[in-house]
Amino acid sequence: MNEDKIFEIVELAKSTGKVKKGANEVTKVVERGDAKLVIVAKDVNPPEVVMHLKPLCQEKNIPFLEVNSKDDLGSAAGIERSTSAVAVINEGEAKKLMQELSKEDKK
């Protein structure tokens, strides 16, 4: 899935649903099983900040995506700072895009 679609999901979920931002918040909602999608930036330094999220998402059966830039991820999440990770809790109007995402994953 291209990054523009991923950012569109984050923006729509932020404005019409609910998202959590930052590695700590995302970790909490993943552990509780409340996340519907997790997006992590590849340029996080040190990578140890987010490296636990992918196996945790696999364990909890939560879709996991990566984007190149934490700055772009922060912008999509509606904050003026970069963010290492975002979790979609309630997709709101991004539901159709999330369904497209799961169809692409099954290909």
PDB file of N, CA and C in Angstrom:
ATOM      1  N   MET A   1       0.859  -1.180   0.000  1.00  0.00           N
ATOM      2  CA  MET A   1       0.000   0.000   0.000  1.00  0.00           C
ATOM      3  C   MET A   1       0.895   1.229   0.000  1.00  0.00           C
ATOM      4  N   ASN A   2       0.520   2.220  -0.809  1.00  0.00           N
ATOM      5  CA  ASN A   2       1.384   3.394  -0.868  1.00  0.00           C
ATOM      6  C   ASN A   2       1.184   4.297   0.351  1.00  0.00           C
ATOM      7  N   GLU A   3       2.202   5.098   0.622  1.00  0.00           N
ATOM      8  CA  GLU A   3       2.187   5.931   1.834  1.00  0.00           C
ATOM      9  C   GLU A   3       1.052   6.948   1.842  1.00  0.00           C
ATOM     10  N   ASP A   4       0.696   7.471   0.670  1.00  0.00           N
ATOM     11  CA  ASP A   4      -0.396   8.458   0.623  1.00  0.00           C
ATOM     12  C   ASP A   4      -1.686   7.877   1.189  1.00  0.00           C
ATOM     13  N   LYS A   5      -1.983   6.618   0.833  1.00  0.00           N
ATOM     14  CA  LYS A   5      -3.189   5.954   1.352  1.00  0.00           C
ATOM     15  C   LYS A   5      -3.094   5.759   2.860  1.00  0.00           C
ATOM     16  N   ILE A   6      -1.906   5.377   3.319  1.00  0.00           N
ATOM     17  CA  ILE A   6      -1.702   5.166   4.757  1.00  0.00           C
ATOM     18  C   ILE A   6      -1.940   6.472   5.509  1.00  0.00           C
ATOM     19  N   PHE A   7      -1.357   7.570   4.993  1.00  0.00           N
ATOM     20  CA  PHE A   7      -1.539   8.872   5.648  1.00  0.00           C
ATOM     21  C   PHE A   7      -2.999   9.315   5.590  1.00  0.00           C
ATOM     22  N   GLU A   8      -3.671   8.972   4.497  1.00  0.00           N
ATOM     23  CA  GLU A   8      -5.090   9.318   4.376  1.00  0.00           C
ATOM     24  C   GLU A   8      -5.912   8.593   5.442  1.00  0.00           C
ATOM     25  N   ILE A   9      -5.578   7.322   5.690  1.00  0.00           N
ATOM     26  CA  ILE A   9      -6.256   6.557   6.751  1.00  0.00           C
ATOM     27  C   ILE A   9      -6.051   7.249   8.096  1.00  0.00           C
ATOM     28  N   VAL A  10      -4.803   7.639   8.381  1.00  0.00           N
ATOM     29  CA  VAL A  10      -4.495   8.288   9.665  1.00  0.00           C
ATOM     30  C   VAL A  10      -5.259   9.605   9.794  1.00  0.00           C
ATOM     31  N   GLU A  11      -5.251  10.417   8.721  1.00  0.00           N
ATOM     32  CA  GLU A  11      -5.937  11.717   8.761  1.00  0.00           C
ATOM     33  C   GLU A  11      -7.441  11.554   8.959  1.00  0.00           C
ATOM     34  N   LEU A  12      -8.048  10.622   8.217  1.00  0.00           N
ATOM     35  CA  LEU A  12      -9.494  10.389   8.354  1.00  0.00           C
ATOM     36  C   LEU A  12      -9.845   9.851   9.735  1.00  0.00           C
ATOM     37  N   ALA A  13      -9.051   8.904  10.214  1.00  0.00           N
ATOM     38  CA  ALA A  13      -9.314   8.328  11.534  1.00  0.00           C
ATOM     39  C   ALA A  13      -9.149   9.384  12.622  1.00  0.00           C
ATOM     40  N   LYS A  14      -8.176  10.280  12.440  1.00  0.00           N
ATOM     41  CA  LYS A  14      -7.949  11.334  13.421  1.00  0.00           C
ATOM     42  C   LYS A  14      -9.138  12.277  13.489  1.00  0.00           C
ATOM     43  N   SER A  15      -9.689  12.640  12.322  1.00  0.00           N
ATOM     44  CA  SER A  15     -10.761  13.640  12.311  1.00  0.00           C
ATOM     45  C   SER A  15     -12.143  13.048  12.559  1.00  0.00           C
ATOM     46  N   THR A  16     -12.355  11.757  12.244  1.00  0.00           N
ATOM     47  CA  THR A  16     -13.698  11.196  12.391  1.00  0.00           C
ATOM     48  C   THR A  16     -13.754  10.003  13.343  1.00  0.00           C
ATOM     49  N   GLY A  17     -12.605   9.566  13.816  1.00  0.00           N
ATOM     50  CA  GLY A  17     -12.558   8.412  14.718  1.00  0.00           C
ATOM     51  C   GLY A  17     -11.644   8.714  15.879  1.00  0.00           C
ATOM     52  N   LYS A  18     -10.669   7.818  16.107  1.00  0.00           N
ATOM     53  CA  LYS A  18      -9.753   8.024  17.223  1.00  0.00           C
ATOM     54  C   LYS A  18      -8.407   7.376  16.923  1.00  0.00           C
ATOM     55  N   VAL A  19      -7.326   8.114  17.190  1.00  0.00           N
ATOM     56  CA  VAL A  19      -5.976   7.571  17.041  1.00  0.00           C
ATOM     57  C   VAL A  19      -5.177   7.850  18.314  1.00  0.00           C
ATOM     58  N   LYS A  20      -4.166   7.040  18.530  1.00  0.00           N
ATOM     59  CA  LYS A  20      -3.197   7.265  19.608  1.00  0.00           C
ATOM     60  C   LYS A  20      -1.846   7.486  18.948  1.00  0.00           C
ATOM     61  N   LYS A  21      -1.057   8.408  19.516  1.00  0.00           N
ATOM     62  CA  LYS A  21       0.218   8.760  18.925  1.00  0.00           C
ATOM     63  C   LYS A  21       1.349   8.524  19.910  1.00  0.00           C
ATOM     64  N   GLY A  22       2.497   8.095  19.377  1.00  0.00           N
ATOM     65  CA  GLY A  22       3.675   7.867  20.208  1.00  0.00           C
ATOM     66  C   GLY A  22       3.838   6.404  20.580  1.00  0.00           C
ATOM     67  N   ALA A  23       5.080   5.984  20.722  1.00  0.00           N
ATOM     68  CA  ALA A  23       5.379   4.567  20.974  1.00  0.00           C
ATOM     69  C   ALA A  23       4.726   4.054  22.255  1.00  0.00           C
ATOM     70  N   ASN A  24       4.742   4.849  23.329  1.00  0.00           N
ATOM     71  CA  ASN A  24       4.175   4.378  24.601  1.00  0.00           C
ATOM     72  C   ASN A  24       2.668   4.192  24.511  1.00  0.00           C
ATOM     73  N   GLU A  25       1.967   5.191  23.975  1.00  0.00           N
ATOM     74  CA  GLU A  25       0.504   5.104  23.840  1.00  0.00           C
ATOM     75  C   GLU A  25       0.116   3.942  22.924  1.00  0.00           C
ATOM     76  N   VAL A  26       0.834   3.815  21.812  1.00  0.00           N
ATOM     77  CA  VAL A  26       0.541   2.749  20.848  1.00  0.00           C
ATOM     78  C   VAL A  26       0.764   1.384  21.491  1.00  0.00           C
ATOM     79  N   THR A  27       1.842   1.239  22.235  1.00  0.00           N
ATOM     80  CA  THR A  27       2.125  -0.029  22.914  1.00  0.00           C
ATOM     81  C   THR A  27       0.977  -0.401  23.848  1.00  0.00           C
ATOM     82  N   LYS A  28       0.481   0.565  24.607  1.00  0.00           N
ATOM     83  CA  LYS A  28      -0.614   0.303  25.554  1.00  0.00           C
ATOM     84  C   LYS A  28      -1.862  -0.206  24.838  1.00  0.00           C
ATOM     85  N   VAL A  29      -2.264   0.471  23.741  1.00  0.00           N
ATOM     86  CA  VAL A  29      -3.501   0.053  23.066  1.00  0.00           C
ATOM     87  C   VAL A  29      -3.326  -1.274  22.327  1.00  0.00           C
ATOM     88  N   VAL A  30      -2.115  -1.559  21.873  1.00  0.00           N
ATOM     89  CA  VAL A  30      -1.867  -2.853  21.230  1.00  0.00           C
ATOM     90  C   VAL A  30      -1.958  -3.967  22.283  1.00  0.00           C
ATOM     91  N   GLU A  31      -1.341  -3.744  23.440  1.00  0.00           N
ATOM     92  CA  GLU A  31      -1.384  -4.761  24.498  1.00  0.00           C
ATOM     93  C   GLU A  31      -2.814  -5.039  24.961  1.00  0.00           C
ATOM     94  N   ARG A  32      -3.647  -3.991  24.970  1.00  0.00           N
ATOM     95  CA  ARG A  32      -5.053  -4.168  25.355  1.00  0.00           C
ATOM     96  C   ARG A  32      -5.889  -4.777  24.231  1.00  0.00           C
ATOM     97  N   GLY A  33      -5.327  -4.792  23.017  1.00  0.00           N
ATOM     98  CA  GLY A  33      -6.064  -5.317  21.871  1.00  0.00           C
ATOM     99  C   GLY A  33      -7.054  -4.321  21.296  1.00  0.00           C
ATOM    100  N   ASP A  34      -6.886  -3.025  21.612  1.00  0.00           N
ATOM    101  CA  ASP A  34      -7.811  -1.993  21.146  1.00  0.00           C
ATOM    102  C   ASP A  34      -7.446  -1.411  19.780  1.00  0.00           C
ATOM    103  N   ALA A  35      -6.226  -1.633  19.318  1.00  0.00           N
ATOM    104  CA  ALA A  35      -5.780  -1.046  18.047  1.00  0.00           C
ATOM    105  C   ALA A  35      -6.334  -1.839  16.874  1.00  0.00           C
ATOM    106  N   LYS A  36      -6.753  -1.121  15.828  1.00  0.00           N
ATOM    107  CA  LYS A  36      -7.221  -1.774  14.598  1.00  0.00           C
ATOM    108  C   LYS A  36      -6.140  -1.756  13.523  1.00  0.00           C
ATOM    109  N   LEU A  37      -5.165  -0.841  13.683  1.00  0.00           N
ATOM    110  CA  LEU A  37      -4.064  -0.707  12.734  1.00  0.00           C
ATOM    111  C   LEU A  37      -2.945   0.043  13.432  1.00  0.00           C
ATOM    112  N   VAL A  38      -1.711  -0.390  13.199  1.00  0.00           N
ATOM    113  CA  VAL A  38      -0.546   0.302  13.755  1.00  0.00           C
ATOM    114  C   VAL A  38       0.368   0.710  12.603  1.00  0.00           C
ATOM    115  N   ILE A  39       0.822   1.966  12.635  1.00  0.00           N
ATOM    116  CA  ILE A  39       1.742   2.486  11.625  1.00  0.00           C
ATOM    117  C   ILE A  39       2.974   3.001  12.356  1.00  0.00           C
ATOM    118  N   VAL A  40       4.149   2.562  11.905  1.00  0.00           N
ATOM    119  CA  VAL A  40       5.406   2.951  12.539  1.00  0.00           C
ATOM    120  C   VAL A  40       6.318   3.589  11.494  1.00  0.00           C
ATOM    121  N   ALA A  41       7.067   4.617  11.896  1.00  0.00           N
ATOM    122  CA  ALA A  41       8.022   5.275  11.002  1.00  0.00           C
ATOM    123  C   ALA A  41       9.337   4.488  10.985  1.00  0.00           C
ATOM    124  N   LYS A  42       9.932   4.366   9.787  1.00  0.00           N
ATOM    125  CA  LYS A  42      11.185   3.623   9.643  1.00  0.00           C
ATOM    126  C   LYS A  42      12.389   4.430  10.122  1.00  0.00           C
ATOM    127  N   ASP A  43      12.257   5.773  10.172  1.00  0.00           N
ATOM    128  CA  ASP A  43      13.413   6.607  10.510  1.00  0.00           C
ATOM    129  C   ASP A  43      13.513   6.938  12.002  1.00  0.00           C
ATOM    130  N   VAL A  44      12.899   6.127  12.845  1.00  0.00           N
ATOM    131  CA  VAL A  44      12.966   6.339  14.293  1.00  0.00           C
ATOM    132  C   VAL A  44      14.378   5.990  14.769  1.00  0.00           C
ATOM    133  N   ASN A  45      14.924   6.869  15.598  1.00  0.00           N
ATOM    134  CA  ASN A  45      16.273   6.663  16.095  1.00  0.00           C
ATOM    135  C   ASN A  45      16.299   6.893  17.593  1.00  0.00           C
ATOM    136  N   PRO A  46      16.691   5.949  18.414  1.00  0.00           N
ATOM    137  CA  PRO A  46      17.142   4.603  18.047  1.00  0.00           C
ATOM    138  C   PRO A  46      15.961   3.698  17.687  1.00  0.00           C
ATOM    139  N   PRO A  47      16.185   2.722  16.806  1.00  0.00           N
ATOM    140  CA  PRO A  47      15.095   1.843  16.359  1.00  0.00           C
ATOM    141  C   PRO A  47      14.476   1.021  17.494  1.00  0.00           C
ATOM    142  N   GLU A  48      15.207   0.860  18.595  1.00  0.00           N
ATOM    143  CA  GLU A  48      14.701   0.086  19.736  1.00  0.00           C
ATOM    144  C   GLU A  48      13.408   0.670  20.304  1.00  0.00           C
ATOM    145  N   VAL A  49      13.162   1.959  20.043  1.00  0.00           N
ATOM    146  CA  VAL A  49      11.960   2.627  20.552  1.00  0.00           C
ATOM    147  C   VAL A  49      10.694   1.940  20.046  1.00  0.00           C
ATOM    148  N   VAL A  50      10.742   1.449  18.803  1.00  0.00           N
ATOM    149  CA  VAL A  50       9.539   0.867  18.197  1.00  0.00           C
ATOM    150  C   VAL A  50       9.696  -0.592  17.758  1.00  0.00           C
ATOM    151  N   MET A  51      10.871  -1.168  17.918  1.00  0.00           N
ATOM    152  CA  MET A  51      11.095  -2.514  17.364  1.00  0.00           C
ATOM    153  C   MET A  51      10.223  -3.597  18.009  1.00  0.00           C
ATOM    154  N   HIS A  52       9.699  -3.345  19.191  1.00  0.00           N
ATOM    155  CA  HIS A  52       8.837  -4.331  19.862  1.00  0.00           C
ATOM    156  C   HIS A  52       7.421  -4.352  19.278  1.00  0.00           C
ATOM    157  N   LEU A  53       7.050  -3.310  18.534  1.00  0.00           N
ATOM    158  CA  LEU A  53       5.657  -3.190  18.081  1.00  0.00           C
ATOM    159  C   LEU A  53       5.275  -4.214  17.016  1.00  0.00           C
ATOM    160  N   LYS A  54       6.182  -4.501  16.078  1.00  0.00           N
ATOM    161  CA  LYS A  54       5.829  -5.443  15.010  1.00  0.00           C
ATOM    162  C   LYS A  54       5.517  -6.837  15.568  1.00  0.00           C
ATOM    163  N   PRO A  55       6.406  -7.432  16.403  1.00  0.00           N
ATOM    164  CA  PRO A  55       6.058  -8.751  16.953  1.00  0.00           C
ATOM    165  C   PRO A  55       4.820  -8.720  17.849  1.00  0.00           C
ATOM    166  N   LEU A  56       4.630  -7.619  18.570  1.00  0.00           N
ATOM    167  CA  LEU A  56       3.451  -7.487  19.430  1.00  0.00           C
ATOM    168  C   LEU A  56       2.172  -7.462  18.582  1.00  0.00           C
ATOM    169  N   CYS A  57       2.220  -6.729  17.469  1.00  0.00           N
ATOM    170  CA  CYS A  57       1.059  -6.676  16.566  1.00  0.00           C
ATOM    171  C   CYS A  57       0.784  -8.047  15.951  1.00  0.00           C
ATOM    172  N   GLN A  58       1.847  -8.763  15.588  1.00  0.00           N
ATOM    173  CA  GLN A  58       1.667 -10.109  15.020  1.00  0.00           C
ATOM    174  C   GLN A  58       1.013 -11.028  16.046  1.00  0.00           C
ATOM    175  N   GLU A  59       1.473 -10.931  17.288  1.00  0.00           N
ATOM    176  CA  GLU A  59       0.923 -11.754  18.365  1.00  0.00           C
ATOM    177  C   GLU A  59      -0.560 -11.463  18.584  1.00  0.00           C
ATOM    178  N   LYS A  60      -0.936 -10.172  18.483  1.00  0.00           N
ATOM    179  CA  LYS A  60      -2.319  -9.755  18.737  1.00  0.00           C
ATOM    180  C   LYS A  60      -3.166  -9.746  17.457  1.00  0.00           C
ATOM    181  N   ASN A  61      -2.547 -10.108  16.323  1.00  0.00           N
ATOM    182  CA  ASN A  61      -3.257 -10.134  15.039  1.00  0.00           C
ATOM    183  C   ASN A  61      -3.757  -8.753  14.611  1.00  0.00           C
ATOM    184  N   ILE A  62      -2.923  -7.740  14.805  1.00  0.00           N
ATOM    185  CA  ILE A  62      -3.261  -6.360  14.438  1.00  0.00           C
ATOM    186  C   ILE A  62      -2.425  -5.985  13.212  1.00  0.00           C
ATOM    187  N   PRO A  63      -3.064  -5.458  12.150  1.00  0.00           N
ATOM    188  CA  PRO A  63      -2.300  -5.057  10.961  1.00  0.00           C
ATOM    189  C   PRO A  63      -1.215  -4.040  11.322  1.00  0.00           C
ATOM    190  N   PHE A  64      -0.021  -4.210  10.711  1.00  0.00           N
ATOM    191  CA  PHE A  64       1.140  -3.381  10.999  1.00  0.00           C
ATOM    192  C   PHE A  64       1.704  -2.845   9.693  1.00  0.00           C
ATOM    193  N   LEU A  65       1.905  -1.541   9.609  1.00  0.00           N
ATOM    194  CA  LEU A  65       2.477  -0.928   8.411  1.00  0.00           C
ATOM    195  C   LEU A  65       3.640  -0.027   8.790  1.00  0.00           C
ATOM    196  N   GLU A  66       4.529   0.194   7.822  1.00  0.00           N
ATOM    197  CA  GLU A  66       5.632   1.122   8.046  1.00  0.00           C
ATOM    198  C   GLU A  66       5.594   2.223   6.999  1.00  0.00           C
ATOM    199  N   VAL A  67       5.978   3.420   7.424  1.00  0.00           N
ATOM    200  CA  VAL A  67       6.150   4.550   6.518  1.00  0.00           C
ATOM    201  C   VAL A  67       7.583   5.043   6.679  1.00  0.00           C
ATOM    202  N   ASN A  68       8.056   5.828   5.712  1.00  0.00           N
ATOM    203  CA  ASN A  68       9.451   6.258   5.746  1.00  0.00           C
ATOM    204  C   ASN A  68       9.745   7.346   6.764  1.00  0.00           C
ATOM    205  N   SER A  69       8.803   8.273   6.968  1.00  0.00           N
ATOM    206  CA  SER A  69       9.122   9.481   7.725  1.00  0.00           C
ATOM    207  C   SER A  69       8.258   9.689   8.966  1.00  0.00           C
ATOM    208  N   LYS A  70       8.912   9.880  10.103  1.00  0.00           N
ATOM    209  CA  LYS A  70       8.179  10.176  11.339  1.00  0.00           C
ATOM    210  C   LYS A  70       7.593  11.588  11.290  1.00  0.00           C
ATOM    211  N   ASP A  71       8.226  12.488  10.518  1.00  0.00           N
ATOM    212  CA  ASP A  71       7.676  13.847  10.350  1.00  0.00           C
ATOM    213  C   ASP A  71       6.342  13.796   9.613  1.00  0.00           C
ATOM    214  N   ASP A  72       6.303  13.027   8.521  1.00  0.00           N
ATOM    215  CA  ASP A  72       5.061  12.887   7.750  1.00  0.00           C
ATOM    216  C   ASP A  72       3.982  12.190   8.567  1.00  0.00           C
ATOM    217  N   LEU A  73       4.380  11.211   9.368  1.00  0.00           N
ATOM    218  CA  LEU A  73       3.417  10.492  10.207  1.00  0.00           C
ATOM    219  C   LEU A  73       2.821  11.438  11.251  1.00  0.00           C
ATOM    220  N   GLY A  74       3.656  12.291  11.836  1.00  0.00           N
ATOM    221  CA  GLY A  74       3.178  13.289  12.794  1.00  0.00           C
ATOM    222  C   GLY A  74       2.202  14.255  12.155  1.00  0.00           C
ATOM    223  N   SER A  75       2.524  14.713  10.946  1.00  0.00           N
ATOM    224  CA  SER A  75       1.629  15.628  10.220  1.00  0.00           C
ATOM    225  C   SER A  75       0.280  14.977   9.949  1.00  0.00           C
ATOM    226  N   ALA A  76       0.311  13.727   9.499  1.00  0.00           N
ATOM    227  CA  ALA A  76      -0.936  13.012   9.201  1.00  0.00           C
ATOM    228  C   ALA A  76      -1.769  12.836  10.468  1.00  0.00           C
ATOM    229  N   ALA A  77      -1.087  12.684  11.612  1.00  0.00           N
ATOM    230  CA  ALA A  77      -1.789  12.497  12.885  1.00  0.00           C
ATOM    231  C   ALA A  77      -2.256  13.823  13.480  1.00  0.00           C
ATOM    232  N   GLY A  78      -1.937  14.924  12.786  1.00  0.00           N
ATOM    233  CA  GLY A  78      -2.441  16.227  13.210  1.00  0.00           C
ATOM    234  C   GLY A  78      -1.647  16.893  14.318  1.00  0.00           C
ATOM    235  N   ILE A  79      -0.375  16.506  14.441  1.00  0.00           N
ATOM    236  CA  ILE A  79       0.466  17.173  15.439  1.00  0.00           C
ATOM    237  C   ILE A  79       1.635  17.860  14.744  1.00  0.00           C
ATOM    238  N   GLU A  80       2.190  18.870  15.388  1.00  0.00           N
ATOM    239  CA  GLU A  80       3.261  19.643  14.767  1.00  0.00           C
ATOM    240  C   GLU A  80       4.629  19.017  14.979  1.00  0.00           C
ATOM    241  N   ARG A  81       4.680  17.915  15.695  1.00  0.00           N
ATOM    242  CA  ARG A  81       5.942  17.222  15.930  1.00  0.00           C
ATOM    243  C   ARG A  81       5.931  15.904  15.175  1.00  0.00           C
ATOM    244  N   SER A  82       7.113  15.330  15.046  1.00  0.00           N
ATOM    245  CA  SER A  82       7.163  14.000  14.431  1.00  0.00           C
ATOM    246  C   SER A  82       6.676  12.984  15.466  1.00  0.00           C
ATOM    247  N   THR A  83       6.227  11.835  14.973  1.00  0.00           N
ATOM    248  CA  THR A  83       5.821  10.767  15.888  1.00  0.00           C
ATOM    249  C   THR A  83       6.329   9.432  15.362  1.00  0.00           C
ATOM    250  N   SER A  84       6.760   8.589  16.279  1.00  0.00           N
ATOM    251  CA  SER A  84       7.351   7.308  15.892  1.00  0.00           C
ATOM    252  C   SER A  84       6.294   6.288  15.489  1.00  0.00           C
ATOM    253  N   ALA A  85       5.093   6.414  16.090  1.00  0.00           N
ATOM    254  CA  ALA A  85       4.061   5.406  15.843  1.00  0.00           C
ATOM    255  C   ALA A  85       2.675   5.999  16.035  1.00  0.00           C
ATOM    256  N   VAL A  86       1.708   5.433  15.298  1.00  0.00           N
ATOM    257  CA  VAL A  86       0.304   5.822  15.424  1.00  0.00           C
ATOM    258  C   VAL A  86      -0.525   4.544  15.424  1.00  0.00           C
ATOM    259  N   ALA A  87      -1.523   4.506  16.289  1.00  0.00           N
ATOM    260  CA  ALA A  87      -2.462   3.380  16.297  1.00  0.00           C
ATOM    261  C   ALA A  87      -3.850   3.929  16.003  1.00  0.00           C
ATOM    262  N   VAL A  88      -4.563   3.280  15.091  1.00  0.00           N
ATOM    263  CA  VAL A  88      -5.953   3.633  14.816  1.00  0.00           C
ATOM    264  C   VAL A  88      -6.814   2.802  15.767  1.00  0.00           C
ATOM    265  N   ILE A  89      -7.601   3.506  16.602  1.00  0.00           N
ATOM    266  CA  ILE A  89      -8.479   2.833  17.565  1.00  0.00           C
ATOM    267  C   ILE A  89      -9.880   2.717  16.974  1.00  0.00           C
ATOM    268  N   ASN A  90     -10.354   3.831  16.423  1.00  0.00           N
ATOM    269  CA  ASN A  90     -11.666   3.878  15.772  1.00  0.00           C
ATOM    270  C   ASN A  90     -11.442   4.500  14.403  1.00  0.00           C
ATOM    271  N   GLU A  91     -11.719   3.735  13.352  1.00  0.00           N
ATOM    272  CA  GLU A  91     -11.378   4.198  12.011  1.00  0.00           C
ATOM    273  C   GLU A  91     -12.279   5.305  11.475  1.00  0.00           C
ATOM    274  N   GLY A  92     -13.450   5.489  12.050  1.00  0.00           N
ATOM    275  CA  GLY A  92     -14.351   6.538  11.570  1.00  0.00           C
ATOM    276  C   GLY A  92     -14.607   6.393  10.082  1.00  0.00           C
ATOM    277  N   GLU A  93     -14.410   7.470   9.335  1.00  0.00           N
ATOM    278  CA  GLU A  93     -14.661   7.445   7.884  1.00  0.00           C
ATOM    279  C   GLU A  93     -13.554   6.751   7.099  1.00  0.00           C
ATOM    280  N   ALA A  94     -12.522   6.280   7.767  1.00  0.00           N
ATOM    281  CA  ALA A  94     -11.434   5.575   7.087  1.00  0.00           C
ATOM    282  C   ALA A  94     -11.746   4.085   6.930  1.00  0.00           C
ATOM    283  N   LYS A  95     -12.956   3.686   7.291  1.00  0.00           N
ATOM    284  CA  LYS A  95     -13.325   2.263   7.271  1.00  0.00           C
ATOM    285  C   LYS A  95     -13.122   1.623   5.894  1.00  0.00           C
ATOM    286  N   LYS A  96     -13.567   2.311   4.827  1.00  0.00           N
ATOM    287  CA  LYS A  96     -13.415   1.748   3.472  1.00  0.00           C
ATOM    288  C   LYS A  96     -11.944   1.562   3.113  1.00  0.00           C
ATOM    289  N   LEU A  97     -11.130   2.565   3.440  1.00  0.00           N
ATOM    290  CA  LEU A  97      -9.701   2.453   3.146  1.00  0.00           C
ATOM    291  C   LEU A  97      -9.070   1.315   3.940  1.00  0.00           C
ATOM    292  N   MET A  98      -9.507   1.115   5.164  1.00  0.00           N
ATOM    293  CA  MET A  98      -8.987   0.017   5.984  1.00  0.00           C
ATOM    294  C   MET A  98      -9.387  -1.330   5.380  1.00  0.00           C
ATOM    295  N   GLN A  99     -10.596  -1.400   4.813  1.00  0.00           N
ATOM    296  CA  GLN A  99     -11.029  -2.645   4.168  1.00  0.00           C
ATOM    297  C   GLN A  99     -10.195  -2.909   2.917  1.00  0.00           C
ATOM    298  N   GLU A 100      -9.892  -1.844   2.150  1.00  0.00           N
ATOM    299  CA  GLU A 100      -9.027  -1.996   0.972  1.00  0.00           C
ATOM    300  C   GLU A 100      -7.666  -2.524   1.397  1.00  0.00           C
ATOM    301  N   LEU A 101      -7.186  -2.004   2.505  1.00  0.00           N
ATOM    302  CA  LEU A 101      -5.891  -2.396   3.043  1.00  0.00           C
ATOM    303  C   LEU A 101      -5.870  -3.889   3.347  1.00  0.00           C
ATOM    304  N   SER A 102      -6.905  -4.394   4.003  1.00  0.00           N
ATOM    305  CA  SER A 102      -6.919  -5.818   4.350  1.00  0.00           C
ATOM    306  C   SER A 102      -7.054  -6.686   3.097  1.00  0.00           C
ATOM    307  N   LYS A 103      -7.750  -6.193   2.065  1.00  0.00           N
ATOM    308  CA  LYS A 103      -7.830  -6.942   0.808  1.00  0.00           C
ATOM    309  C   LYS A 103      -6.470  -7.014   0.147  1.00  0.00           C
ATOM    310  N   GLU A 104      -5.715  -5.895   0.178  1.00  0.00           N
ATOM    311  CA  GLU A 104      -4.368  -5.879  -0.429  1.00  0.00           C
ATOM    312  C   GLU A 104      -3.446  -6.838   0.302  1.00  0.00           C
ATOM    313  N   ASP A 105      -3.583  -6.941   1.610  1.00  0.00           N
ATOM    314  CA  ASP A 105      -2.741  -7.827   2.400  1.00  0.00           C
ATOM    315  C   ASP A 105      -2.985  -9.281   2.044  1.00  0.00           C
ATOM    316  N   LYS A 106      -4.189  -9.610   1.622  1.00  0.00           N
ATOM    317  CA  LYS A 106      -4.534 -11.009   1.331  1.00  0.00           C
ATOM    318  C   LYS A 106      -4.066 -11.445  -0.061  1.00  0.00           C
ATOM    319  N   LYS A 107      -3.637 -10.478  -0.886  1.00  0.00           N
ATOM    320  CA  LYS A 107      -3.191 -10.812  -2.245  1.00  0.00           C
ATOM    321  C   LYS A 107      -1.846 -11.515  -2.227  1.00  0.00           C
TER     322      LYS A 107
END
